[in-house]
């Protein structure tokens, strides 16, 4: 892991250089979902060796758990900008799982010249989560430090056997979040900024929508994705919210095709 100091807070990220057969000059910047961390993207990243990958432990999460001041989308957007700018990256593809997509859309809207395109994996959409979800997300604040509670939560997100250690790793990481970090779930994902984001995000955006998502309903993901004129929606039947971790080969395949199409797309 590599660190960067942002206004007195230490943030962690993983910088994966491209393999010897690099196929793209565009790095990919990965943002995980709420209570996950960058490590859980390792398998998907390994399947896209032709690119440089920056996988960030967002403020309040993973090894950046203690950097939990001002837990807002705007602050995390600023963090992402500080990291990529500090690495000398001036243009990249944004990849966000779940809450990471809500942040990623805002990165694209705030820094449109830096974000060439984006990928949403089971993404919290620009229209936000329904208010009915607030009670369940707010209850997460009471589980700080309780690995077993998070183990139950993550087990519900994974649909296929054989991921026991991955689930435990995710639960341990989530249990290490501070109360301030966990409080993010009770407010930010509810925000509907579609009136701003739909107009501002003009980059091509790939939406990978798991068909059996119990955390961010598939219908909600599609409704949000359909607002974007340059969005491409791919439905992935029978998969759940932890798609990026459970099915990294599916995620990598679709991202690889999307990136290849970007390279070959005719210019205006």
C-alpha atoms as a PDB file:
ATOM      1  CA  UNK A   1       0.000   0.000   0.000  1.00  0.00           C
ATOM      2  CA  UNK A   2       1.066   3.578  -0.696  1.00  0.00           C
ATOM      3  CA  UNK A   3       0.053   6.593   1.391  1.00  0.00           C
ATOM      4  CA  UNK A   4      -0.625  10.248   0.736  1.00  0.00           C
ATOM      5  CA  UNK A   5      -1.229  13.072   3.190  1.00  0.00           C
ATOM      6  CA  UNK A   6      -4.353  15.091   2.391  1.00  0.00           C
ATOM      7  CA  UNK A   7      -4.908  18.037   4.698  1.00  0.00           C
ATOM      8  CA  UNK A   8      -3.418  16.167   7.627  1.00  0.00           C
ATOM      9  CA  UNK A   9      -5.170  12.846   6.947  1.00  0.00           C
ATOM     10  CA  UNK A  10      -3.303   9.757   5.778  1.00  0.00           C
ATOM     11  CA  UNK A  11      -5.023   7.943   2.930  1.00  0.00           C
ATOM     12  CA  UNK A  12      -4.002   4.584   1.489  1.00  0.00           C
ATOM     13  CA  UNK A  13      -4.126   3.287  -2.044  1.00  0.00           C
ATOM     14  CA  UNK A  14      -2.671   0.517  -4.201  1.00  0.00           C
ATOM     15  CA  UNK A  15      -0.783   1.463  -7.368  1.00  0.00           C
ATOM     16  CA  UNK A  16      -0.606  -1.440  -9.810  1.00  0.00           C
ATOM     17  CA  UNK A  17       1.669  -0.771 -12.797  1.00  0.00           C
ATOM     18  CA  UNK A  18       0.657  -2.163 -16.192  1.00  0.00           C
ATOM     19  CA  UNK A  19       2.162  -5.415 -17.359  1.00  0.00           C
ATOM     20  CA  UNK A  20       4.836  -5.595 -20.001  1.00  0.00           C
ATOM     21  CA  UNK A  21       2.159  -5.776 -22.711  1.00  0.00           C
ATOM     22  CA  UNK A  22       0.437  -2.500 -21.824  1.00  0.00           C
ATOM     23  CA  UNK A  23      -2.606  -1.875 -24.026  1.00  0.00           C
ATOM     24  CA  UNK A  24      -3.829   1.513 -22.839  1.00  0.00           C
ATOM     25  CA  UNK A  25      -2.372   4.797 -21.695  1.00  0.00           C
ATOM     26  CA  UNK A  26      -5.468   5.394 -19.555  1.00  0.00           C
ATOM     27  CA  UNK A  27      -5.148   4.268 -15.935  1.00  0.00           C
ATOM     28  CA  UNK A  28      -8.170   2.897 -14.083  1.00  0.00           C
ATOM     29  CA  UNK A  29      -9.038   4.414 -10.701  1.00  0.00           C
ATOM     30  CA  UNK A  30     -11.082   2.033  -8.535  1.00  0.00           C
ATOM     31  CA  UNK A  31     -13.435   3.050  -5.713  1.00  0.00           C
ATOM     32  CA  UNK A  32     -14.929   0.349  -3.513  1.00  0.00           C
ATOM     33  CA  UNK A  33     -18.388   0.248  -1.983  1.00  0.00           C
ATOM     34  CA  UNK A  34     -19.428   1.272   1.509  1.00  0.00           C
ATOM     35  CA  UNK A  35     -17.586  -0.715   4.218  1.00  0.00           C
ATOM     36  CA  UNK A  36     -15.474  -2.559   1.600  1.00  0.00           C
ATOM     37  CA  UNK A  37     -11.862  -1.679   0.728  1.00  0.00           C
ATOM     38  CA  UNK A  38      -9.451  -1.611  -2.196  1.00  0.00           C
ATOM     39  CA  UNK A  39      -7.999  -5.051  -1.469  1.00  0.00           C
ATOM     40  CA  UNK A  40     -11.245  -6.704  -2.498  1.00  0.00           C
ATOM     41  CA  UNK A  41     -10.690  -5.589  -6.115  1.00  0.00           C
ATOM     42  CA  UNK A  42      -7.416  -7.487  -6.456  1.00  0.00           C
ATOM     43  CA  UNK A  43      -8.820 -10.392  -8.458  1.00  0.00           C
ATOM     44  CA  UNK A  44     -10.573  -8.172 -11.008  1.00  0.00           C
ATOM     45  CA  UNK A  45      -7.521  -5.941 -11.386  1.00  0.00           C
ATOM     46  CA  UNK A  46      -5.277  -8.952 -11.987  1.00  0.00           C
ATOM     47  CA  UNK A  47      -7.458  -9.866 -14.973  1.00  0.00           C
ATOM     48  CA  UNK A  48      -6.797  -6.487 -16.639  1.00  0.00           C
ATOM     49  CA  UNK A  49      -2.978  -6.481 -16.743  1.00  0.00           C
ATOM     50  CA  UNK A  50      -2.618  -4.088 -19.652  1.00  0.00           C
ATOM     51  CA  UNK A  51      -3.552  -1.048 -17.593  1.00  0.00           C
ATOM     52  CA  UNK A  52      -2.255   0.883 -14.627  1.00  0.00           C
ATOM     53  CA  UNK A  53      -4.668   0.581 -11.701  1.00  0.00           C
ATOM     54  CA  UNK A  54      -5.073   2.889  -8.707  1.00  0.00           C
ATOM     55  CA  UNK A  55      -7.291   1.240  -6.086  1.00  0.00           C
ATOM     56  CA  UNK A  56      -8.119   3.600  -3.228  1.00  0.00           C
ATOM     57  CA  UNK A  57      -9.094   2.886   0.372  1.00  0.00           C
ATOM     58  CA  UNK A  58     -11.575   5.727   0.632  1.00  0.00           C
ATOM     59  CA  UNK A  59     -11.682   8.012   3.649  1.00  0.00           C
ATOM     60  CA  UNK A  60     -13.114   6.119   6.628  1.00  0.00           C
ATOM     61  CA  UNK A  61     -12.548   2.688   5.039  1.00  0.00           C
ATOM     62  CA  UNK A  62      -9.906  -0.044   5.113  1.00  0.00           C
ATOM     63  CA  UNK A  63      -6.488   1.275   6.057  1.00  0.00           C
ATOM     64  CA  UNK A  64      -7.845   4.812   5.697  1.00  0.00           C
ATOM     65  CA  UNK A  65     -10.422   4.114   8.430  1.00  0.00           C
ATOM     66  CA  UNK A  66      -8.969   6.635  10.870  1.00  0.00           C
ATOM     67  CA  UNK A  67      -9.252   9.438   8.308  1.00  0.00           C
ATOM     68  CA  UNK A  68     -12.922   9.891   9.095  1.00  0.00           C
ATOM     69  CA  UNK A  69     -13.388  13.662   9.261  1.00  0.00           C
ATOM     70  CA  UNK A  70     -15.994  15.309   7.035  1.00  0.00           C
ATOM     71  CA  UNK A  71     -17.452  12.083   5.653  1.00  0.00           C
ATOM     72  CA  UNK A  72     -19.170  13.567   2.619  1.00  0.00           C
ATOM     73  CA  UNK A  73     -19.117  12.762  -1.074  1.00  0.00           C
ATOM     74  CA  UNK A  74     -17.509  16.121  -1.770  1.00  0.00           C
ATOM     75  CA  UNK A  75     -14.629  15.421   0.619  1.00  0.00           C
ATOM     76  CA  UNK A  76     -14.013  11.983  -0.902  1.00  0.00           C
ATOM     77  CA  UNK A  77     -14.106  13.503  -4.409  1.00  0.00           C
ATOM     78  CA  UNK A  78     -11.428  15.933  -3.246  1.00  0.00           C
ATOM     79  CA  UNK A  79      -9.397  13.010  -1.876  1.00  0.00           C
ATOM     80  CA  UNK A  80      -9.548  11.178  -5.209  1.00  0.00           C
ATOM     81  CA  UNK A  81      -8.388  14.289  -7.026  1.00  0.00           C
ATOM     82  CA  UNK A  82      -5.488  14.740  -4.590  1.00  0.00           C
ATOM     83  CA  UNK A  83      -4.347  11.150  -5.089  1.00  0.00           C
ATOM     84  CA  UNK A  84      -4.487  11.057  -8.895  1.00  0.00           C
ATOM     85  CA  UNK A  85      -2.974  14.526  -9.207  1.00  0.00           C
ATOM     86  CA  UNK A  86      -0.226  13.575  -6.788  1.00  0.00           C
ATOM     87  CA  UNK A  87       0.607  10.633  -9.039  1.00  0.00           C
ATOM     88  CA  UNK A  88       0.815  12.897 -12.090  1.00  0.00           C
ATOM     89  CA  UNK A  89      -2.268  11.340 -13.682  1.00  0.00           C
ATOM     90  CA  UNK A  90      -4.234  13.841 -15.742  1.00  0.00           C
ATOM     91  CA  UNK A  91      -6.782  11.514 -17.384  1.00  0.00           C
ATOM     92  CA  UNK A  92      -8.235   8.191 -16.284  1.00  0.00           C
ATOM     93  CA  UNK A  93     -11.208   5.822 -16.291  1.00  0.00           C
ATOM     94  CA  UNK A  94     -13.307   5.874 -13.115  1.00  0.00           C
ATOM     95  CA  UNK A  95     -14.537   2.529 -11.736  1.00  0.00           C
ATOM     96  CA  UNK A  96     -16.914   2.459  -8.772  1.00  0.00           C
ATOM     97  CA  UNK A  97     -18.674  -0.334  -6.928  1.00  0.00           C
ATOM     98  CA  UNK A  98     -21.888   0.538  -5.079  1.00  0.00           C
ATOM     99  CA  UNK A  99     -21.273   3.761  -3.123  1.00  0.00           C
ATOM    100  CA  UNK A 100     -18.020   4.106  -5.065  1.00  0.00           C
ATOM    101  CA  UNK A 101     -20.076   4.840  -8.180  1.00  0.00           C
ATOM    102  CA  UNK A 102     -21.935   7.648  -6.409  1.00  0.00           C
ATOM    103  CA  UNK A 103     -18.535   9.161  -5.679  1.00  0.00           C
ATOM    104  CA  UNK A 104     -17.232   8.373  -9.169  1.00  0.00           C
ATOM    105  CA  UNK A 105     -20.075  10.203 -10.906  1.00  0.00           C
ATOM    106  CA  UNK A 106     -19.277  13.257  -8.807  1.00  0.00           C
ATOM    107  CA  UNK A 107     -15.582  13.003  -9.651  1.00  0.00           C
ATOM    108  CA  UNK A 108     -16.546  13.009 -13.346  1.00  0.00           C
ATOM    109  CA  UNK A 109     -18.868  15.989 -12.884  1.00  0.00           C
ATOM    110  CA  UNK A 110     -16.312  17.964 -10.866  1.00  0.00           C
ATOM    111  CA  UNK A 111     -13.265  17.152 -13.001  1.00  0.00           C
ATOM    112  CA  UNK A 112     -14.683  16.409 -16.471  1.00  0.00           C
ATOM    113  CA  UNK A 113     -11.346  16.929 -18.229  1.00  0.00           C
ATOM    114  CA  UNK A 114      -9.734  14.232 -16.081  1.00  0.00           C
ATOM    115  CA  UNK A 115     -12.354  11.473 -16.345  1.00  0.00           C
ATOM    116  CA  UNK A 116     -12.454   9.905 -19.813  1.00  0.00           C
ATOM    117  CA  UNK A 117     -15.163   7.364 -18.983  1.00  0.00           C
ATOM    118  CA  UNK A 118     -16.648   5.457 -16.081  1.00  0.00           C
ATOM    119  CA  UNK A 119     -17.857   2.060 -14.924  1.00  0.00           C
ATOM    120  CA  UNK A 120     -20.575   1.428 -12.342  1.00  0.00           C
ATOM    121  CA  UNK A 121     -20.639  -1.986 -10.681  1.00  0.00           C
ATOM    122  CA  UNK A 122     -23.909  -2.439  -8.756  1.00  0.00           C
ATOM    123  CA  UNK A 123     -23.728   1.328  -8.383  1.00  0.00           C
ATOM    124  CA  UNK A 124     -25.653   3.642  -6.100  1.00  0.00           C
ATOM    125  CA  UNK A 125     -27.230   5.806  -8.821  1.00  0.00           C
ATOM    126  CA  UNK A 126     -27.341   9.578  -9.231  1.00  0.00           C
ATOM    127  CA  UNK A 127     -30.958   9.487  -8.032  1.00  0.00           C
ATOM    128  CA  UNK A 128     -29.793   8.146  -4.675  1.00  0.00           C
ATOM    129  CA  UNK A 129     -31.297   5.429  -2.516  1.00  0.00           C
ATOM    130  CA  UNK A 130     -34.961   5.483  -1.450  1.00  0.00           C
ATOM    131  CA  UNK A 131     -35.656   6.930   1.976  1.00  0.00           C
ATOM    132  CA  UNK A 132     -36.997   3.529   2.998  1.00  0.00           C
ATOM    133  CA  UNK A 133     -33.398   2.320   3.020  1.00  0.00           C
ATOM    134  CA  UNK A 134     -32.345   4.885   5.632  1.00  0.00           C
ATOM    135  CA  UNK A 135     -33.381   2.803   8.662  1.00  0.00           C
ATOM    136  CA  UNK A 136     -31.404  -0.226   7.558  1.00  0.00           C
ATOM    137  CA  UNK A 137     -28.316   1.774   6.669  1.00  0.00           C
ATOM    138  CA  UNK A 138     -28.528   3.822   9.868  1.00  0.00           C
ATOM    139  CA  UNK A 139     -28.600   0.599  11.883  1.00  0.00           C
ATOM    140  CA  UNK A 140     -25.146  -0.202  10.544  1.00  0.00           C
ATOM    141  CA  UNK A 141     -23.781   2.550  12.790  1.00  0.00           C
ATOM    142  CA  UNK A 142     -24.548   0.369  15.815  1.00  0.00           C
ATOM    143  CA  UNK A 143     -22.325  -2.457  14.589  1.00  0.00           C
ATOM    144  CA  UNK A 144     -18.926  -0.748  14.874  1.00  0.00           C
ATOM    145  CA  UNK A 145     -16.331  -3.316  15.909  1.00  0.00           C
ATOM    146  CA  UNK A 146     -18.711  -6.292  15.636  1.00  0.00           C
ATOM    147  CA  UNK A 147     -17.193  -8.709  13.151  1.00  0.00           C
ATOM    148  CA  UNK A 148     -20.022 -11.233  13.508  1.00  0.00           C
ATOM    149  CA  UNK A 149     -22.644  -8.605  12.675  1.00  0.00           C
ATOM    150  CA  UNK A 150     -20.809  -7.631   9.515  1.00  0.00           C
ATOM    151  CA  UNK A 151     -20.212 -11.276   8.674  1.00  0.00           C
ATOM    152  CA  UNK A 152     -23.980 -11.750   8.610  1.00  0.00           C
ATOM    153  CA  UNK A 153     -24.407  -8.652   6.442  1.00  0.00           C
ATOM    154  CA  UNK A 154     -21.755  -9.667   3.934  1.00  0.00           C
ATOM    155  CA  UNK A 155     -22.942 -13.272   3.778  1.00  0.00           C
ATOM    156  CA  UNK A 156     -26.262 -11.927   2.508  1.00  0.00           C
ATOM    157  CA  UNK A 157     -24.477 -10.012  -0.275  1.00  0.00           C
ATOM    158  CA  UNK A 158     -22.596 -13.063  -1.580  1.00  0.00           C
ATOM    159  CA  UNK A 159     -24.708 -15.539  -3.529  1.00  0.00           C
ATOM    160  CA  UNK A 160     -22.295 -18.357  -4.307  1.00  0.00           C
ATOM    161  CA  UNK A 161     -20.385 -20.807  -2.090  1.00  0.00           C
ATOM    162  CA  UNK A 162     -16.623 -20.838  -1.857  1.00  0.00           C
ATOM    163  CA  UNK A 163     -16.003 -17.246  -0.763  1.00  0.00           C
ATOM    164  CA  UNK A 164     -15.749 -17.777   3.001  1.00  0.00           C
ATOM    165  CA  UNK A 165     -12.347 -16.144   3.457  1.00  0.00           C
ATOM    166  CA  UNK A 166     -13.260 -13.232   1.209  1.00  0.00           C
ATOM    167  CA  UNK A 167     -16.435 -12.655   3.247  1.00  0.00           C
ATOM    168  CA  UNK A 168     -14.486 -12.795   6.508  1.00  0.00           C
ATOM    169  CA  UNK A 169     -11.925 -10.346   5.137  1.00  0.00           C
ATOM    170  CA  UNK A 170     -14.683  -7.911   4.177  1.00  0.00           C
ATOM    171  CA  UNK A 171     -16.331  -8.292   7.591  1.00  0.00           C
ATOM    172  CA  UNK A 172     -13.095  -7.666   9.468  1.00  0.00           C
ATOM    173  CA  UNK A 173     -12.408  -4.556   7.430  1.00  0.00           C
ATOM    174  CA  UNK A 174     -15.934  -3.202   7.961  1.00  0.00           C
ATOM    175  CA  UNK A 175     -15.774  -3.890  11.689  1.00  0.00           C
ATOM    176  CA  UNK A 176     -12.625  -1.764  11.838  1.00  0.00           C
ATOM    177  CA  UNK A 177     -14.450   1.340  10.639  1.00  0.00           C
ATOM    178  CA  UNK A 178     -15.055   4.079  13.196  1.00  0.00           C
ATOM    179  CA  UNK A 179     -18.519   5.266  14.157  1.00  0.00           C
ATOM    180  CA  UNK A 180     -17.932   8.436  12.134  1.00  0.00           C
ATOM    181  CA  UNK A 181     -17.042   6.381   9.077  1.00  0.00           C
ATOM    182  CA  UNK A 182     -20.090   4.172   9.471  1.00  0.00           C
ATOM    183  CA  UNK A 183     -22.323   7.236   9.763  1.00  0.00           C
ATOM    184  CA  UNK A 184     -21.683   7.892   6.084  1.00  0.00           C
ATOM    185  CA  UNK A 185     -24.250   5.207   5.268  1.00  0.00           C
ATOM    186  CA  UNK A 186     -27.080   7.036   6.976  1.00  0.00           C
ATOM    187  CA  UNK A 187     -26.934  10.181   4.867  1.00  0.00           C
ATOM    188  CA  UNK A 188     -24.866  10.451   1.695  1.00  0.00           C
ATOM    189  CA  UNK A 189     -26.305   7.500  -0.315  1.00  0.00           C
ATOM    190  CA  UNK A 190     -29.805   9.035  -0.021  1.00  0.00           C
ATOM    191  CA  UNK A 191     -28.879  12.154  -1.966  1.00  0.00           C
ATOM    192  CA  UNK A 192     -30.589  12.719  -5.315  1.00  0.00           C
ATOM    193  CA  UNK A 193     -28.223  14.902  -7.352  1.00  0.00           C
ATOM    194  CA  UNK A 194     -29.505  13.709 -10.712  1.00  0.00           C
ATOM    195  CA  UNK A 195     -30.496  17.230 -11.759  1.00  0.00           C
ATOM    196  CA  UNK A 196     -26.821  18.198 -11.622  1.00  0.00           C
ATOM    197  CA  UNK A 197     -25.048  14.950 -12.444  1.00  0.00           C
ATOM    198  CA  UNK A 198     -27.037  13.915 -15.519  1.00  0.00           C
ATOM    199  CA  UNK A 199     -26.229  17.203 -17.226  1.00  0.00           C
ATOM    200  CA  UNK A 200     -22.591  17.282 -16.069  1.00  0.00           C
ATOM    201  CA  UNK A 201     -21.558  13.667 -16.677  1.00  0.00           C
ATOM    202  CA  UNK A 202     -21.279  13.444 -20.460  1.00  0.00           C
ATOM    203  CA  UNK A 203     -18.566  10.781 -20.541  1.00  0.00           C
ATOM    204  CA  UNK A 204     -19.359   7.225 -21.690  1.00  0.00           C
ATOM    205  CA  UNK A 205     -20.457   5.184 -18.676  1.00  0.00           C
ATOM    206  CA  UNK A 206     -20.831   1.413 -18.378  1.00  0.00           C
ATOM    207  CA  UNK A 207     -23.446   0.203 -15.893  1.00  0.00           C
ATOM    208  CA  UNK A 208     -23.066  -3.418 -14.740  1.00  0.00           C
ATOM    209  CA  UNK A 209     -26.369  -4.293 -13.067  1.00  0.00           C
ATOM    210  CA  UNK A 210     -26.623  -7.540 -11.055  1.00  0.00           C
ATOM    211  CA  UNK A 211     -30.086  -8.974 -11.510  1.00  0.00           C
ATOM    212  CA  UNK A 212     -30.488 -10.207  -7.942  1.00  0.00           C
ATOM    213  CA  UNK A 213     -29.086  -7.273  -5.974  1.00  0.00           C
ATOM    214  CA  UNK A 214     -30.683  -6.974  -2.527  1.00  0.00           C
ATOM    215  CA  UNK A 215     -28.546  -4.017  -1.407  1.00  0.00           C
ATOM    216  CA  UNK A 216     -29.090  -1.545  -4.277  1.00  0.00           C
ATOM    217  CA  UNK A 217     -32.191  -2.819  -6.100  1.00  0.00           C
ATOM    218  CA  UNK A 218     -31.536  -3.669  -9.739  1.00  0.00           C
ATOM    219  CA  UNK A 219     -34.566  -1.657 -10.842  1.00  0.00           C
ATOM    220  CA  UNK A 220     -33.144   1.408  -9.081  1.00  0.00           C
ATOM    221  CA  UNK A 221     -29.762   0.943 -10.759  1.00  0.00           C
ATOM    222  CA  UNK A 222     -31.395   0.726 -14.182  1.00  0.00           C
ATOM    223  CA  UNK A 223     -33.621   3.735 -13.558  1.00  0.00           C
ATOM    224  CA  UNK A 224     -30.576   5.809 -12.673  1.00  0.00           C
ATOM    225  CA  UNK A 225     -28.502   4.507 -15.570  1.00  0.00           C
ATOM    226  CA  UNK A 226     -31.212   5.238 -18.143  1.00  0.00           C
ATOM    227  CA  UNK A 227     -30.897   8.964 -17.423  1.00  0.00           C
ATOM    228  CA  UNK A 228     -27.432   9.125 -19.002  1.00  0.00           C
ATOM    229  CA  UNK A 229     -27.373   9.622 -22.763  1.00  0.00           C
ATOM    230  CA  UNK A 230     -23.953   7.989 -23.068  1.00  0.00           C
ATOM    231  CA  UNK A 231     -24.681   5.128 -20.679  1.00  0.00           C
ATOM    232  CA  UNK A 232     -24.479   1.448 -21.602  1.00  0.00           C
ATOM    233  CA  UNK A 233     -26.438  -0.944 -19.391  1.00  0.00           C
ATOM    234  CA  UNK A 234     -25.490  -4.591 -19.075  1.00  0.00           C
ATOM    235  CA  UNK A 235     -27.800  -6.800 -17.012  1.00  0.00           C
ATOM    236  CA  UNK A 236     -26.084  -9.710 -15.299  1.00  0.00           C
ATOM    237  CA  UNK A 237     -28.786 -12.176 -14.219  1.00  0.00           C
ATOM    238  CA  UNK A 238     -28.760 -14.093 -10.941  1.00  0.00           C
ATOM    239  CA  UNK A 239     -25.854 -12.135  -9.436  1.00  0.00           C
ATOM    240  CA  UNK A 240     -25.863 -10.143  -6.208  1.00  0.00           C
ATOM    241  CA  UNK A 241     -24.359  -6.950  -4.878  1.00  0.00           C
ATOM    242  CA  UNK A 242     -20.868  -8.371  -4.319  1.00  0.00           C
ATOM    243  CA  UNK A 243     -20.428  -8.907  -8.072  1.00  0.00           C
ATOM    244  CA  UNK A 244     -16.948  -7.347  -8.200  1.00  0.00           C
ATOM    245  CA  UNK A 245     -15.653  -9.742  -5.546  1.00  0.00           C
ATOM    246  CA  UNK A 246     -17.572 -12.908  -6.427  1.00  0.00           C
ATOM    247  CA  UNK A 247     -17.371 -12.710 -10.192  1.00  0.00           C
ATOM    248  CA  UNK A 248     -14.170 -10.764 -10.989  1.00  0.00           C
ATOM    249  CA  UNK A 249     -13.863 -12.546 -14.334  1.00  0.00           C
ATOM    250  CA  UNK A 250     -17.275 -11.243 -15.439  1.00  0.00           C
ATOM    251  CA  UNK A 251     -16.457  -7.714 -14.298  1.00  0.00           C
ATOM    252  CA  UNK A 252     -13.042  -7.756 -15.996  1.00  0.00           C
ATOM    253  CA  UNK A 253     -14.491  -9.128 -19.235  1.00  0.00           C
ATOM    254  CA  UNK A 254     -17.084  -6.363 -19.522  1.00  0.00           C
ATOM    255  CA  UNK A 255     -14.642  -3.628 -18.518  1.00  0.00           C
ATOM    256  CA  UNK A 256     -12.100  -4.924 -21.041  1.00  0.00           C
ATOM    257  CA  UNK A 257     -14.673  -4.823 -23.854  1.00  0.00           C
ATOM    258  CA  UNK A 258     -15.804  -1.337 -22.801  1.00  0.00           C
ATOM    259  CA  UNK A 259     -12.254  -0.024 -22.823  1.00  0.00           C
ATOM    260  CA  UNK A 260     -11.536  -1.587 -26.221  1.00  0.00           C
ATOM    261  CA  UNK A 261     -14.640   0.085 -27.636  1.00  0.00           C
ATOM    262  CA  UNK A 262     -13.465   3.425 -26.223  1.00  0.00           C
ATOM    263  CA  UNK A 263     -10.194   3.096 -28.111  1.00  0.00           C
ATOM    264  CA  UNK A 264     -11.878   2.233 -31.395  1.00  0.00           C
ATOM    265  CA  UNK A 265     -14.802   4.665 -31.130  1.00  0.00           C
ATOM    266  CA  UNK A 266     -14.773   7.311 -33.875  1.00  0.00           C
ATOM    267  CA  UNK A 267     -13.973  10.825 -32.763  1.00  0.00           C
ATOM    268  CA  UNK A 268     -16.515  13.601 -33.304  1.00  0.00           C
END
